[in-house]
Amino acid sequence: MDQIKSASMTPVQQGPQMNDRDFTNDLLATEKYLTTAYSTALNEASHQNLYQDLQSILTETQQAQRDLYNFMFQNGWYTLEAADTQKLQQSYQKFSSSIQQESPYGKTQ
């Protein structure tokens, strides 16, 4: 499969100590965890002001997560694999028919 990656690669120090890529990857993992936790808290918040505060924090956390991802991608520390168009189409067909069959609202578009 084709890889999608940045044109540049920022070198990192090799060895047992954490390097810039390791620290950034750890921050990204933490932000991902926090967005999940804030999302759960948001679903369970019963007070409107608390809900609004959590929603604001979640939005900021999601943006920090995205910024870290972009930083890692731009430095060549995060690569993606290009999806096979045929596999995407097969998955779409499979799940769209499943959703239509299982939807409690009848047929959906």
C-alpha atoms as a PDB file:
ATOM      1  CA  MET A   1       0.000   0.000   0.000  1.00  0.00           C
ATOM      2  CA  ASP A   2       1.046   3.548  -0.600  1.00  0.00           C
ATOM      3  CA  GLN A   3       2.064   5.594   2.389  1.00  0.00           C
ATOM      4  CA  ILE A   4       0.992   9.160   2.933  1.00  0.00           C
ATOM      5  CA  LYS A   5       3.721  11.115   4.649  1.00  0.00           C
ATOM      6  CA  SER A   6       5.323  14.498   4.892  1.00  0.00           C
ATOM      7  CA  ALA A   7       7.964  15.492   2.378  1.00  0.00           C
ATOM      8  CA  SER A   8      10.349  16.288   5.213  1.00  0.00           C
ATOM      9  CA  MET A   9      11.610  14.180   8.087  1.00  0.00           C
ATOM     10  CA  THR A  10      12.887  15.829  11.247  1.00  0.00           C
ATOM     11  CA  PRO A  11      15.632  13.629  12.685  1.00  0.00           C
ATOM     12  CA  VAL A  12      15.385  12.534  16.303  1.00  0.00           C
ATOM     13  CA  GLN A  13      18.021  11.464  18.778  1.00  0.00           C
ATOM     14  CA  GLN A  14      18.370   7.684  18.986  1.00  0.00           C
ATOM     15  CA  GLY A  15      18.915   5.907  22.277  1.00  0.00           C
ATOM     16  CA  PRO A  16      17.089   4.858  25.420  1.00  0.00           C
ATOM     17  CA  GLN A  17      16.095   8.418  26.382  1.00  0.00           C
ATOM     18  CA  MET A  18      12.845   9.883  25.140  1.00  0.00           C
ATOM     19  CA  ASN A  19      13.333  12.203  22.172  1.00  0.00           C
ATOM     20  CA  ASP A  20      11.127  14.966  20.763  1.00  0.00           C
ATOM     21  CA  ARG A  21       9.074  12.488  18.730  1.00  0.00           C
ATOM     22  CA  ASP A  22       8.490  10.311  21.815  1.00  0.00           C
ATOM     23  CA  PHE A  23       7.408  13.273  23.940  1.00  0.00           C
ATOM     24  CA  THR A  24       5.076  14.553  21.221  1.00  0.00           C
ATOM     25  CA  ASN A  25       3.624  11.085  20.675  1.00  0.00           C
ATOM     26  CA  ASP A  26       2.989  10.808  24.424  1.00  0.00           C
ATOM     27  CA  LEU A  27       1.227  14.189  24.387  1.00  0.00           C
ATOM     28  CA  LEU A  28      -0.896  13.103  21.423  1.00  0.00           C
ATOM     29  CA  ALA A  29      -1.916   9.885  23.202  1.00  0.00           C
ATOM     30  CA  THR A  30      -2.833  11.895  26.302  1.00  0.00           C
ATOM     31  CA  GLU A  31      -4.951  14.337  24.277  1.00  0.00           C
ATOM     32  CA  LYS A  32      -6.760  11.408  22.637  1.00  0.00           C
ATOM     33  CA  TYR A  33      -7.487   9.943  26.072  1.00  0.00           C
ATOM     34  CA  LEU A  34      -8.690  13.306  27.378  1.00  0.00           C
ATOM     35  CA  THR A  35     -11.077  13.847  24.457  1.00  0.00           C
ATOM     36  CA  THR A  36     -12.670  10.478  25.205  1.00  0.00           C
ATOM     37  CA  ALA A  37     -12.954  11.285  28.914  1.00  0.00           C
ATOM     38  CA  TYR A  38     -14.392  14.764  28.298  1.00  0.00           C
ATOM     39  CA  SER A  39     -16.860  13.342  25.796  1.00  0.00           C
ATOM     40  CA  THR A  40     -18.104  10.859  28.389  1.00  0.00           C
ATOM     41  CA  ALA A  41     -18.349  13.596  31.027  1.00  0.00           C
ATOM     42  CA  LEU A  42     -20.249  15.757  28.551  1.00  0.00           C
ATOM     43  CA  ASN A  43     -22.766  12.973  27.959  1.00  0.00           C
ATOM     44  CA  GLU A  44     -23.364  12.683  31.698  1.00  0.00           C
ATOM     45  CA  ALA A  45     -23.427  16.360  32.689  1.00  0.00           C
ATOM     46  CA  SER A  46     -26.813  17.339  34.090  1.00  0.00           C
ATOM     47  CA  HIS A  47     -26.148  21.005  34.855  1.00  0.00           C
ATOM     48  CA  GLN A  48     -26.236  23.340  31.850  1.00  0.00           C
ATOM     49  CA  ASN A  49     -23.297  25.524  32.942  1.00  0.00           C
ATOM     50  CA  LEU A  50     -21.161  22.448  33.614  1.00  0.00           C
ATOM     51  CA  TYR A  51     -22.169  21.070  30.205  1.00  0.00           C
ATOM     52  CA  GLN A  52     -21.107  24.286  28.475  1.00  0.00           C
ATOM     53  CA  ASP A  53     -17.783  24.375  30.327  1.00  0.00           C
ATOM     54  CA  LEU A  54     -17.064  20.754  29.443  1.00  0.00           C
ATOM     55  CA  GLN A  55     -18.025  21.375  25.831  1.00  0.00           C
ATOM     56  CA  SER A  56     -15.580  24.282  25.653  1.00  0.00           C
ATOM     57  CA  ILE A  57     -12.799  22.206  27.237  1.00  0.00           C
ATOM     58  CA  LEU A  58     -13.529  19.310  24.863  1.00  0.00           C
ATOM     59  CA  THR A  59     -13.285  21.615  21.847  1.00  0.00           C
ATOM     60  CA  GLU A  60      -9.941  22.999  23.062  1.00  0.00           C
ATOM     61  CA  THR A  61      -8.648  19.489  23.746  1.00  0.00           C
ATOM     62  CA  GLN A  62      -9.699  18.275  20.303  1.00  0.00           C
ATOM     63  CA  GLN A  63      -7.920  21.241  18.730  1.00  0.00           C
ATOM     64  CA  ALA A  64      -4.763  20.513  20.737  1.00  0.00           C
ATOM     65  CA  GLN A  65      -4.965  16.905  19.570  1.00  0.00           C
ATOM     66  CA  ARG A  66      -5.288  18.007  15.952  1.00  0.00           C
ATOM     67  CA  ASP A  67      -2.406  20.478  16.300  1.00  0.00           C
ATOM     68  CA  LEU A  68      -0.166  17.741  17.724  1.00  0.00           C
ATOM     69  CA  TYR A  69      -1.146  15.374  14.920  1.00  0.00           C
ATOM     70  CA  ASN A  70      -0.362  18.046  12.305  1.00  0.00           C
ATOM     71  CA  PHE A  71       2.969  18.805  14.003  1.00  0.00           C
ATOM     72  CA  MET A  72       3.928  15.120  13.989  1.00  0.00           C
ATOM     73  CA  PHE A  73       2.819  14.665  10.376  1.00  0.00           C
ATOM     74  CA  GLN A  74       4.723  17.743   9.190  1.00  0.00           C
ATOM     75  CA  ASN A  75       7.879  16.476  10.907  1.00  0.00           C
ATOM     76  CA  GLY A  76       7.540  13.050   9.293  1.00  0.00           C
ATOM     77  CA  TRP A  77       6.823  11.326  12.596  1.00  0.00           C
ATOM     78  CA  TYR A  78       3.310  10.196  11.676  1.00  0.00           C
ATOM     79  CA  THR A  79       2.531   8.378   8.447  1.00  0.00           C
ATOM     80  CA  LEU A  80      -0.703   7.002   7.058  1.00  0.00           C
ATOM     81  CA  GLU A  81      -1.488   4.278   4.596  1.00  0.00           C
ATOM     82  CA  ALA A  82      -3.562   5.217   1.584  1.00  0.00           C
ATOM     83  CA  ALA A  83      -6.824   3.324   1.507  1.00  0.00           C
ATOM     84  CA  ASP A  84      -7.584   1.057  -1.416  1.00  0.00           C
ATOM     85  CA  THR A  85     -10.529   2.592  -3.301  1.00  0.00           C
ATOM     86  CA  GLN A  86     -12.108  -0.797  -3.964  1.00  0.00           C
ATOM     87  CA  LYS A  87     -11.939  -1.769  -0.276  1.00  0.00           C
ATOM     88  CA  LEU A  88     -13.471   1.563   0.696  1.00  0.00           C
ATOM     89  CA  GLN A  89     -16.342   1.029  -1.714  1.00  0.00           C
ATOM     90  CA  GLN A  90     -16.922  -2.521  -0.409  1.00  0.00           C
ATOM     91  CA  SER A  91     -16.979  -1.305   3.193  1.00  0.00           C
ATOM     92  CA  TYR A  92     -19.363   1.497   2.296  1.00  0.00           C
ATOM     93  CA  GLN A  93     -21.737  -0.923   0.580  1.00  0.00           C
ATOM     94  CA  LYS A  94     -21.587  -3.383   3.469  1.00  0.00           C
ATOM     95  CA  PHE A  95     -22.229  -0.850   6.201  1.00  0.00           C
ATOM     96  CA  SER A  96     -24.780   1.257   4.354  1.00  0.00           C
ATOM     97  CA  SER A  97     -26.957  -1.808   3.735  1.00  0.00           C
ATOM     98  CA  SER A  98     -26.530  -2.902   7.377  1.00  0.00           C
ATOM     99  CA  ILE A  99     -27.546   0.525   8.621  1.00  0.00           C
ATOM    100  CA  GLN A 100     -30.632   0.560   6.423  1.00  0.00           C
ATOM    101  CA  GLN A 101     -31.666  -2.909   7.578  1.00  0.00           C
ATOM    102  CA  GLU A 102     -31.105  -2.197  11.267  1.00  0.00           C
ATOM    103  CA  SER A 103     -32.326   1.388  11.443  1.00  0.00           C
ATOM    104  CA  PRO A 104     -35.349   1.842  13.719  1.00  0.00           C
ATOM    105  CA  TYR A 105     -36.354   4.791  11.530  1.00  0.00           C
ATOM    106  CA  GLY A 106     -36.873   2.856   8.331  1.00  0.00           C
ATOM    107  CA  LYS A 107     -34.849   3.465   5.222  1.00  0.00           C
ATOM    108  CA  THR A 108     -32.276   6.231   5.446  1.00  0.00           C
ATOM    109  CA  GLN A 109     -30.330   7.994   2.743  1.00  0.00           C
END
